[in-house]
Amino acid sequence: MHAKTKPEMTDWIPDLNGRNGPKYRALAEALTAAIGTGVLKPGARLPPQRELAQALGLDLTTITRAYNVARQRGLIDGRGKAGSFVRETATHAVQAAAQVDTGLNTPPVPSGGIVQDAMRKAFEQALGQGGGALLQYQAAGGDPVICQAGADLAARLGLKRSTDQFALSAGGQNGLMAISRAILVAGAKVACGEFVYPGFRAIAARLGVELVPLQAMTAAALDLACRQNDIAALYVVPTNDNPTAATIPFPERQRIAEVAQRHGLQIIEDDAYGLLPRDPLPAIASLVPDRTWHILSTSKIISPALRIAFVSAPTVTDTLRLTAEVQDIAVMPPPLNAAMVAYWLRDGTFDSLMSAVRAEAEWRSDLAGRILRDHSISRHPQGYHVWLKLPEGASASMLSQKLAAAGVGAIPSDRFAAGKVAAQALRVSLGGAAPRAMVEAALRQLAGHLSLLDVERADFV
């Protein structure tokens, strides 16, 4: 009988330069990326921990902690004296954790675990200073101190409203539903972009509201729609629109505000990404405050796990209506999370976390711009999704399916369409927990598929 062949040991030595945070986390992320990109293949035997520690100039405890993180993620197995090995299912585990796209746009997770560490610290602080009260039901609308923190944050976008015009909601979607229930009735017509955030499209369908897509998000297009239809409101994502990545320039915001004022429209301003740019533009609500409902969520600029949004209304009476709807839909936002965000805003942690997300989004957006430079894409410099227009004859749905099989999340344009449209496009998300190497690999997969489309079109012609 032949002796069983012993797996060959890999000579993998990761480069940890440029990775922030504790070294064990940096090593765990490097290991995850190496498996996701195929550098470390299933069955590969990893370097012994002592040898890797010596090669990297780290202590043995750091290597052990990193291997334990990888083991908890289902990426490697320890086999006693035989060593540690990449699991046969490791590649699938990485893809499942990082590439599943549910249609929700998630900010990139900064390296080094800084968001997790900030959450842990803030939870301890909140429980230590007001834990008893924070474990109970909260007053409708949220604590005034926390609402004031939200008002201060909104002031960065030029919005100057009193604290009693703000209410806390359990995330932007909760706030969006509360506003819609407060001001829209079945049969009402709401102007919006040709492609619209699916969360609002779902709300409109549930409430029996008719969406009127504009040819472009401009004052001229809005004015035309108002003259042709009995428009009750405008829904708009003014900065880094989801999905088109478009940002309305400030002069156009002024013109849109004027049209809304002239036609007596309500404006629902979903400003989910408004604070992420390096130079934020003034909110439309700052231009026409008596007609605009403004949503400032933390989900898209730090983490969706927070489930906290600051929603403001044109008047105090409107805020009371809004508060009643928030309470009816979700009872209350999570109190500990709300206190955590307020702490962060006071001690500067909020800005540090947002800056880290911004920097990571900027890196990924620039990468997408370089890899997809030969294709028709729209992106925000500090955004983490791109809008990719496909060539004539291509099917966004079919390409989305092919990309999904390759582990690349891309949502076809029909998921965002407010009406009947022929344009074929994909929204490609660059955020989430996927490390940079996996994002780059996914974008190169996408570029490869697009090149095949070009070849197929040339052959057809």
Protein backbone atom coordinates (compact mmCIF):
# COMPACT_ATOMS: atom_id res chain seq x y z
CA MET A 1 0.00 0.00 0.00
CA HIS A 2 1.13 3.50 -0.74
CA ALA A 3 1.53 5.98 2.10
CA LYS A 4 -0.89 8.87 2.06
CA THR A 5 0.70 11.95 0.48
CA LYS A 6 1.30 14.72 2.98
CA PRO A 7 -0.04 18.11 1.82
CA GLU A 8 2.70 20.47 0.69
CA MET A 9 3.23 23.45 2.98
CA THR A 10 2.63 26.84 1.40
CA ASP A 11 5.35 29.49 1.57
CA TRP A 12 2.69 32.21 1.96
CA ILE A 13 3.98 35.27 3.81
CA PRO A 14 1.45 38.14 3.81
CA ASP A 15 2.26 41.81 3.41
CA LEU A 16 0.64 43.61 6.34
CA ASN A 17 1.77 47.09 5.33
CA GLY A 18 -1.12 49.53 4.96
CA ARG A 19 -3.47 47.47 7.11
CA ASN A 20 -4.77 49.37 10.13
CA GLY A 21 -5.69 48.08 13.57
CA PRO A 22 -4.24 45.28 15.68
CA LYS A 23 -1.77 43.01 13.90
CA TYR A 24 -3.77 39.84 14.58
CA ARG A 25 -6.78 41.36 12.81
CA ALA A 26 -4.63 42.56 9.92
CA LEU A 27 -3.23 39.04 9.54
CA ALA A 28 -6.71 37.49 9.70
CA GLU A 29 -7.93 39.87 6.97
CA ALA A 30 -4.89 39.10 4.83
CA LEU A 31 -5.58 35.39 5.25
CA THR A 32 -9.24 35.89 4.31
CA ALA A 33 -8.26 37.88 1.21
CA ALA A 34 -5.69 35.27 0.16
CA ILE A 35 -8.32 32.53 0.32
CA GLY A 36 -10.94 34.64 -1.44
CA THR A 37 -8.60 35.47 -4.33
CA GLY A 38 -7.24 31.94 -4.70
CA VAL A 39 -3.70 32.64 -3.48
CA LEU A 40 -4.36 30.08 -0.75
CA LYS A 41 -6.29 27.17 -2.19
CA PRO A 42 -8.50 24.67 -0.35
CA GLY A 43 -6.37 22.00 1.32
CA ALA A 44 -3.25 24.17 1.47
CA ARG A 45 -1.13 23.71 4.60
CA LEU A 46 -0.40 27.02 6.29
CA PRO A 47 3.03 27.95 7.67
CA PRO A 48 3.55 26.81 11.27
CA GLN A 49 2.66 29.58 13.65
CA ARG A 50 6.17 29.94 15.08
CA GLU A 51 7.74 30.20 11.61
CA LEU A 52 5.17 32.79 10.49
CA ALA A 53 5.73 34.78 13.69
CA GLN A 54 9.46 34.84 13.02
CA ALA A 55 8.99 35.79 9.36
CA LEU A 56 6.67 38.69 10.20
CA GLY A 57 8.53 39.82 13.30
CA LEU A 58 5.48 39.24 15.50
CA ASP A 59 4.96 37.32 18.71
CA LEU A 60 3.40 33.87 18.69
CA THR A 61 0.26 35.04 20.53
CA THR A 62 -0.57 37.41 17.66
CA ILE A 63 -0.35 34.61 15.09
CA THR A 64 -2.44 32.30 17.27
CA ARG A 65 -5.18 34.93 17.63
CA ALA A 66 -5.23 35.52 13.88
CA TYR A 67 -5.52 31.79 13.14
CA ASN A 68 -8.32 31.54 15.70
CA VAL A 69 -10.25 34.33 13.93
CA ALA A 70 -9.84 32.50 10.61
CA ARG A 71 -10.98 29.27 12.25
CA GLN A 72 -14.10 30.99 13.64
CA ARG A 73 -14.89 32.25 10.14
CA GLY A 74 -14.86 28.66 8.87
CA LEU A 75 -11.74 29.23 6.75
CA ILE A 76 -9.14 26.92 8.30
CA ASP A 77 -8.91 23.76 10.40
CA GLY A 78 -6.31 22.88 13.01
CA ARG A 79 -5.10 19.27 12.91
CA GLY A 80 -2.87 19.10 15.95
CA LYS A 81 0.78 18.46 15.18
CA ALA A 82 0.00 18.26 11.45
CA GLY A 83 -0.67 22.01 11.44
CA SER A 84 -3.41 24.28 10.07
CA PHE A 85 -5.06 23.81 6.67
CA VAL A 86 -7.40 25.81 4.43
CA ARG A 87 -10.80 24.14 4.56
CA GLU A 88 -12.26 22.68 1.38
CA THR A 89 -15.30 24.94 1.78
CA ALA A 90 -13.28 28.07 2.65
CA THR A 91 -13.72 29.83 -0.70
CA HIS A 92 -17.49 29.42 -0.50
CA ALA A 93 -17.44 30.72 3.08
CA VAL A 94 -15.59 33.87 2.02
CA GLN A 95 -17.94 34.50 -0.91
CA ALA A 96 -21.05 33.88 1.19
CA ALA A 97 -19.85 36.32 3.85
CA ALA A 98 -18.75 39.06 1.51
CA GLN A 99 -20.55 38.84 -1.79
CA VAL A 100 -24.20 38.10 -1.07
CA ASP A 101 -26.09 41.12 -2.42
CA THR A 102 -29.61 41.49 -1.05
CA GLY A 103 -30.26 44.72 -2.94
CA LEU A 104 -29.20 46.82 0.04
CA ASN A 105 -26.25 49.15 -0.32
CA THR A 106 -23.87 48.70 2.62
CA PRO A 107 -20.92 50.95 3.50
CA PRO A 108 -17.47 49.35 3.45
CA VAL A 109 -16.25 48.13 6.81
CA PRO A 110 -13.00 49.92 7.73
CA SER A 111 -10.10 47.59 8.51
CA GLY A 112 -8.82 47.06 12.00
CA GLY A 113 -12.21 46.55 13.65
CA ILE A 114 -12.50 50.24 14.58
CA VAL A 115 -16.30 50.29 14.28
CA GLN A 116 -16.62 47.19 16.47
CA ASP A 117 -14.23 48.62 19.05
CA ALA A 118 -16.08 51.95 19.10
CA MET A 119 -19.40 50.14 19.59
CA ARG A 120 -18.03 48.06 22.43
CA LYS A 121 -16.66 51.12 24.22
CA ALA A 122 -19.83 53.17 23.70
CA PHE A 123 -22.11 50.37 24.91
CA GLU A 124 -20.10 50.12 28.12
CA GLN A 125 -20.25 53.90 28.54
CA ALA A 126 -24.00 54.03 27.88
CA LEU A 127 -24.78 51.20 30.28
CA GLY A 128 -22.53 52.70 32.93
CA GLN A 129 -24.03 56.17 32.79
CA GLY A 130 -27.68 55.51 32.06
CA GLY A 131 -28.16 51.80 31.66
CA GLY A 132 -31.34 51.51 33.73
CA ALA A 133 -33.22 54.11 31.75
CA LEU A 134 -31.85 52.89 28.42
CA LEU A 135 -33.21 49.40 29.07
CA GLN A 136 -36.78 50.72 29.22
CA TYR A 137 -39.27 52.01 26.66
CA GLN A 138 -38.37 55.52 25.56
CA ALA A 139 -40.40 58.66 25.09
CA ALA A 140 -41.95 59.07 21.65
CA GLY A 141 -39.69 61.00 19.31
CA GLY A 142 -36.52 60.27 21.24
CA ASP A 143 -34.55 61.92 24.02
CA PRO A 144 -34.24 65.71 23.44
CA VAL A 145 -30.49 65.56 24.10
CA ILE A 146 -30.06 62.97 21.36
CA CYS A 147 -32.36 64.91 19.01
CA GLN A 148 -30.19 67.97 19.61
CA ALA A 149 -27.16 65.95 18.54
CA GLY A 150 -29.07 65.15 15.35
CA ALA A 151 -29.93 68.81 14.84
CA ASP A 152 -26.25 69.72 15.18
CA LEU A 153 -25.36 67.06 12.61
CA ALA A 154 -28.00 68.30 10.15
CA ALA A 155 -26.65 71.85 10.55
CA ARG A 156 -23.56 70.67 8.69
CA LEU A 157 -25.81 70.43 5.63
CA GLY A 158 -27.13 73.94 6.16
CA LEU A 159 -30.35 72.76 7.82
CA LYS A 160 -31.20 74.99 10.80
CA ARG A 161 -34.18 73.61 12.66
CA SER A 162 -35.09 73.56 16.33
CA THR A 163 -34.70 70.37 18.33
CA ASP A 164 -38.48 69.91 18.54
CA GLN A 165 -38.56 69.58 14.75
CA PHE A 166 -36.47 66.39 14.97
CA ALA A 167 -37.55 62.85 15.75
CA LEU A 168 -35.52 59.67 16.03
CA SER A 169 -36.47 56.73 13.84
CA ALA A 170 -35.27 53.14 13.68
CA GLY A 171 -33.17 53.74 10.58
CA GLY A 172 -33.85 55.62 7.37
CA GLN A 173 -36.41 53.13 6.05
CA ASN A 174 -38.53 53.51 9.19
CA GLY A 175 -38.33 57.30 8.82
CA LEU A 176 -39.22 57.09 5.14
CA MET A 177 -42.30 54.98 5.83
CA ALA A 178 -43.36 57.30 8.67
CA ILE A 179 -43.11 60.38 6.44
CA SER A 180 -44.98 58.68 3.61
CA ARG A 181 -47.80 57.64 5.91
CA ALA A 182 -47.97 61.14 7.36
CA ILE A 183 -48.29 63.06 4.09
CA LEU A 184 -49.37 60.67 1.30
CA VAL A 185 -52.73 59.06 0.61
CA ALA A 186 -53.69 56.27 -1.75
CA GLY A 187 -53.73 57.55 -5.31
CA ALA A 188 -51.31 60.41 -4.65
CA LYS A 189 -48.68 61.02 -7.32
CA VAL A 190 -45.03 61.36 -6.32
CA ALA A 191 -42.34 62.55 -8.72
CA CYS A 192 -39.04 60.68 -8.55
CA GLY A 193 -36.07 59.66 -10.68
CA GLU A 194 -36.34 57.25 -13.58
CA PHE A 195 -34.60 54.74 -11.30
CA VAL A 196 -35.46 54.87 -7.62
CA TYR A 197 -34.36 53.37 -4.32
CA PRO A 198 -36.24 50.02 -4.01
CA GLY A 199 -37.19 50.75 -0.39
CA PHE A 200 -39.26 53.75 -1.45
CA ARG A 201 -40.69 51.88 -4.42
CA ALA A 202 -41.94 49.21 -2.00
CA ILE A 203 -43.47 51.85 0.29
CA ALA A 204 -45.27 53.47 -2.63
CA ALA A 205 -46.70 50.10 -3.70
CA ARG A 206 -47.89 49.33 -0.18
CA LEU A 207 -49.59 52.71 0.26
CA GLY A 208 -51.11 52.74 -3.23
CA VAL A 209 -49.04 55.76 -4.27
CA GLU A 210 -48.30 56.33 -7.97
CA LEU A 211 -44.70 57.08 -8.92
CA VAL A 212 -44.17 59.57 -11.74
CA PRO A 213 -40.61 59.13 -13.08
CA LEU A 214 -38.86 62.27 -14.30
CA GLN A 215 -36.79 62.23 -17.48
CA ALA A 216 -34.01 63.78 -15.40
CA MET A 217 -33.75 64.98 -11.81
CA THR A 218 -33.90 68.65 -12.82
CA ALA A 219 -36.14 71.60 -12.10
CA ALA A 220 -37.26 71.70 -15.73
CA ALA A 221 -38.33 68.04 -15.71
CA LEU A 222 -40.10 68.49 -12.37
CA ASP A 223 -41.92 71.59 -13.61
CA LEU A 224 -43.10 69.71 -16.72
CA ALA A 225 -44.35 66.79 -14.61
CA CYS A 226 -46.26 69.18 -12.33
CA ARG A 227 -47.96 70.81 -15.33
CA GLN A 228 -48.95 67.43 -16.75
CA ASN A 229 -49.91 65.69 -13.48
CA ASP A 230 -51.34 66.51 -10.09
CA ILE A 231 -48.04 65.92 -8.26
CA ALA A 232 -48.26 65.87 -4.47
CA ALA A 233 -44.61 65.35 -3.57
CA LEU A 234 -41.07 64.82 -4.81
CA TYR A 235 -38.88 61.97 -3.56
CA VAL A 236 -35.18 62.64 -4.03
CA VAL A 237 -31.78 61.31 -2.94
CA PRO A 238 -29.78 64.50 -3.63
CA THR A 239 -26.24 63.20 -3.10
CA ASN A 240 -24.84 59.98 -4.59
CA ASP A 241 -28.25 58.75 -5.64
CA ASN A 242 -29.01 55.08 -5.14
CA PRO A 243 -28.74 53.58 -7.73
CA THR A 244 -27.47 56.07 -10.33
CA ALA A 245 -24.69 57.65 -8.20
CA ALA A 246 -25.77 61.10 -9.47
CA THR A 247 -25.42 64.20 -7.28
CA ILE A 248 -27.59 67.26 -7.88
CA PRO A 249 -25.39 70.39 -8.17
CA PHE A 250 -26.21 73.22 -5.78
CA PRO A 251 -27.62 75.62 -8.45
CA GLU A 252 -29.99 72.87 -9.60
CA ARG A 253 -31.06 72.27 -6.00
CA GLN A 254 -32.00 75.93 -5.80
CA ARG A 255 -34.08 75.67 -8.97
CA ILE A 256 -35.80 72.49 -7.75
CA ALA A 257 -36.65 74.25 -4.48
CA GLU A 258 -38.19 77.12 -6.42
CA VAL A 259 -40.34 74.77 -8.55
CA ALA A 260 -41.51 72.90 -5.43
CA GLN A 261 -42.44 76.18 -3.78
CA ARG A 262 -44.31 77.41 -6.85
CA HIS A 263 -46.31 74.19 -7.29
CA GLY A 264 -46.92 73.63 -3.57
CA LEU A 265 -45.07 70.31 -3.43
CA GLN A 266 -43.94 68.39 -0.38
CA ILE A 267 -40.32 67.18 -0.68
CA ILE A 268 -39.10 63.94 0.85
CA GLU A 269 -35.32 64.34 0.95
CA ASP A 270 -33.61 61.02 1.62
CA ASP A 271 -30.15 62.37 2.42
CA ALA A 272 -28.61 59.00 3.26
CA TYR A 273 -25.21 59.80 1.74
CA GLY A 274 -25.20 63.58 2.24
CA LEU A 275 -22.40 63.71 4.85
CA LEU A 276 -20.06 61.25 3.14
CA PRO A 277 -18.49 63.60 0.53
CA ARG A 278 -15.43 65.57 1.55
CA ASP A 279 -17.31 68.77 0.71
CA PRO A 280 -21.02 68.17 1.50
CA LEU A 281 -23.58 70.23 -0.41
CA PRO A 282 -26.39 72.08 1.39
CA ALA A 283 -29.55 70.00 1.71
CA ILE A 284 -32.60 70.97 -0.32
CA ALA A 285 -34.34 71.28 3.05
CA SER A 286 -32.09 74.24 3.81
CA LEU A 287 -33.47 76.01 0.71
CA VAL A 288 -37.17 75.29 1.16
CA PRO A 289 -37.53 74.32 4.87
CA ASP A 290 -41.29 74.88 4.99
CA ARG A 291 -41.91 72.08 2.47
CA THR A 292 -39.15 69.53 3.04
CA TRP A 293 -39.01 66.41 5.20
CA HIS A 294 -35.37 65.48 5.70
CA ILE A 295 -33.86 62.09 6.61
CA LEU A 296 -30.30 61.85 7.91
CA SER A 297 -29.44 58.21 8.49
CA THR A 298 -26.37 56.66 10.08
CA SER A 299 -26.78 53.39 8.15
CA LYS A 300 -25.06 54.52 4.95
CA ILE A 301 -22.27 56.59 6.47
CA ILE A 302 -21.12 54.31 9.30
CA SER A 303 -23.03 51.02 9.69
CA PRO A 304 -26.53 49.64 9.03
CA ALA A 305 -26.30 47.88 12.40
CA LEU A 306 -26.92 51.22 14.14
CA ARG A 307 -30.57 51.54 12.96
CA ILE A 308 -30.67 55.23 13.90
CA ALA A 309 -31.85 58.14 11.74
CA PHE A 310 -32.58 61.78 12.52
CA VAL A 311 -35.75 62.86 10.74
CA SER A 312 -36.89 66.46 10.66
CA ALA A 313 -40.18 67.99 9.56
CA PRO A 314 -41.25 71.42 8.27
CA THR A 315 -43.10 72.37 11.49
CA VAL A 316 -43.45 71.21 15.08
CA THR A 317 -46.99 70.02 14.30
CA ASP A 318 -45.61 67.96 11.42
CA THR A 319 -43.02 66.48 13.78
CA LEU A 320 -45.78 65.32 16.14
CA ARG A 321 -47.48 63.55 13.23
CA LEU A 322 -44.15 62.03 12.24
CA THR A 323 -43.44 60.87 15.79
CA ALA A 324 -46.82 59.13 16.00
CA GLU A 325 -46.11 57.24 12.78
CA VAL A 326 -42.62 56.19 13.90
CA GLN A 327 -44.06 54.88 17.15
CA ASP A 328 -46.91 53.10 15.38
CA ILE A 329 -44.56 51.35 12.94
CA ALA A 330 -41.54 50.48 15.11
CA VAL A 331 -42.45 51.53 18.71
CA MET A 332 -39.02 53.16 19.12
CA PRO A 333 -35.47 53.18 17.80
CA PRO A 334 -32.99 51.01 19.78
CA PRO A 335 -32.18 53.19 22.85
CA LEU A 336 -28.63 51.94 23.40
CA ASN A 337 -27.76 52.56 19.75
CA ALA A 338 -29.21 56.06 19.92
CA ALA A 339 -27.19 56.84 23.06
CA MET A 340 -24.10 55.40 21.38
CA VAL A 341 -24.47 57.70 18.35
CA ALA A 342 -24.98 60.70 20.67
CA TYR A 343 -21.78 59.83 22.59
CA TRP A 344 -19.88 59.53 19.33
CA LEU A 345 -21.09 62.93 18.18
CA ARG A 346 -19.97 64.54 21.43
CA ASP A 347 -16.47 63.04 21.67
CA GLY A 348 -15.53 63.09 17.97
CA THR A 349 -15.75 59.32 17.41
CA PHE A 350 -18.57 59.82 14.89
CA ASP A 351 -16.34 61.89 12.64
CA SER A 352 -13.44 59.47 13.00
CA LEU A 353 -15.60 56.53 11.96
CA MET A 354 -17.21 58.47 9.11
CA SER A 355 -13.78 59.54 7.89
CA ALA A 356 -12.61 55.92 7.88
CA VAL A 357 -15.66 54.83 5.88
CA ARG A 358 -15.16 57.79 3.52
CA ALA A 359 -11.50 56.92 2.93
CA GLU A 360 -12.31 53.28 2.23
CA ALA A 361 -15.18 54.22 -0.09
CA GLU A 362 -12.89 56.65 -1.92
CA TRP A 363 -10.26 53.95 -2.47
CA ARG A 364 -12.88 51.54 -3.83
CA SER A 365 -14.53 54.14 -6.04
CA ASP A 366 -11.16 55.08 -7.53
CA LEU A 367 -10.36 51.41 -8.10
CA ALA A 368 -13.68 50.91 -9.93
CA GLY A 369 -12.98 53.97 -12.05
CA ARG A 370 -9.62 52.56 -13.13
CA ILE A 371 -10.72 48.97 -13.79
CA LEU A 372 -13.95 49.96 -15.57
CA ARG A 373 -12.56 53.05 -17.32
CA ASP A 374 -13.42 51.68 -20.77
CA HIS A 375 -17.10 51.28 -19.88
CA SER A 376 -19.99 53.64 -19.20
CA ILE A 377 -20.06 54.07 -15.43
CA SER A 378 -21.26 56.73 -13.02
CA ARG A 379 -19.75 56.96 -9.55
CA HIS A 380 -19.25 59.38 -6.69
CA PRO A 381 -15.61 59.96 -5.65
CA GLN A 382 -16.51 59.04 -2.06
CA GLY A 383 -19.26 56.57 -2.93
CA TYR A 384 -19.31 52.79 -2.70
CA HIS A 385 -21.55 51.84 -5.60
CA VAL A 386 -21.32 52.40 -9.33
CA TRP A 387 -24.02 52.61 -11.98
CA LEU A 388 -22.94 50.73 -15.06
CA LYS A 389 -24.82 51.37 -18.31
CA LEU A 390 -24.72 48.36 -20.61
CA PRO A 391 -24.28 48.46 -24.38
CA GLU A 392 -27.29 48.19 -26.66
CA GLY A 393 -28.66 44.66 -26.89
CA ALA A 394 -27.22 43.52 -23.54
CA SER A 395 -29.47 42.12 -20.83
CA ALA A 396 -28.83 43.42 -17.32
CA SER A 397 -30.73 40.51 -15.80
CA MET A 398 -28.73 37.84 -17.67
CA LEU A 399 -25.40 39.51 -16.91
CA SER A 400 -26.39 39.82 -13.25
CA GLN A 401 -26.98 36.06 -13.10
CA LYS A 402 -23.61 35.30 -14.72
CA LEU A 403 -21.86 37.62 -12.29
CA ALA A 404 -23.64 36.05 -9.32
CA ALA A 405 -22.28 32.66 -10.35
CA ALA A 406 -18.80 34.22 -10.26
CA GLY A 407 -19.42 35.67 -6.79
CA VAL A 408 -20.00 39.26 -7.95
CA GLY A 409 -23.06 41.10 -6.66
CA ALA A 410 -24.71 43.33 -9.27
CA ILE A 411 -28.38 44.35 -9.31
CA PRO A 412 -30.16 44.80 -12.68
CA SER A 413 -31.84 48.09 -13.50
CA ASP A 414 -35.38 46.70 -13.55
CA ARG A 415 -35.19 46.34 -9.75
CA PHE A 416 -34.97 50.14 -9.53
CA ALA A 417 -37.24 51.23 -12.38
CA ALA A 418 -40.03 53.60 -11.36
CA GLY A 419 -41.84 52.95 -14.64
CA LYS A 420 -41.31 51.19 -17.93
CA VAL A 421 -37.75 51.77 -19.13
CA ALA A 422 -35.72 50.15 -21.85
CA ALA A 423 -32.29 51.16 -20.53
CA GLN A 424 -30.18 48.27 -19.30
CA ALA A 425 -27.82 48.94 -16.42
CA LEU A 426 -26.37 47.41 -13.26
CA ARG A 427 -25.79 48.79 -9.80
CA VAL A 428 -22.57 47.30 -8.50
CA SER A 429 -21.95 47.61 -4.76
CA LEU A 430 -18.37 48.02 -3.55
CA GLY A 431 -19.12 48.08 0.18
CA GLY A 432 -19.62 45.49 2.87
CA ALA A 433 -17.05 43.41 4.71
CA ALA A 434 -15.19 42.18 1.62
CA PRO A 435 -11.47 43.03 1.86
CA ARG A 436 -9.85 45.14 -0.85
CA ALA A 437 -8.33 42.19 -2.67
CA MET A 438 -11.76 40.60 -3.08
CA VAL A 439 -13.27 43.86 -4.31
CA GLU A 440 -10.53 44.15 -6.91
CA ALA A 441 -11.00 40.53 -7.98
CA ALA A 442 -14.77 41.08 -8.32
CA LEU A 443 -14.29 44.21 -10.42
CA ARG A 444 -11.86 42.40 -12.72
CA GLN A 445 -14.41 39.61 -13.12
CA LEU A 446 -16.96 42.24 -14.06
CA ALA A 447 -14.59 43.87 -16.55
CA GLY A 448 -13.93 40.46 -18.09
CA HIS A 449 -17.65 39.80 -18.60
CA LEU A 450 -18.10 43.24 -20.12
CA SER A 451 -15.27 42.57 -22.56
CA LEU A 452 -16.99 39.35 -23.60
CA LEU A 453 -20.17 41.36 -24.23
CA ASP A 454 -18.20 43.66 -26.53
CA VAL A 455 -16.77 40.66 -28.40
CA GLU A 456 -20.21 39.09 -28.78
CA ARG A 457 -21.65 42.34 -30.13
CA ALA A 458 -18.77 42.68 -32.63
CA ASP A 459 -19.31 39.11 -33.84
CA PHE A 460 -23.02 39.73 -34.19
CA VAL A 461 -22.48 42.89 -36.23
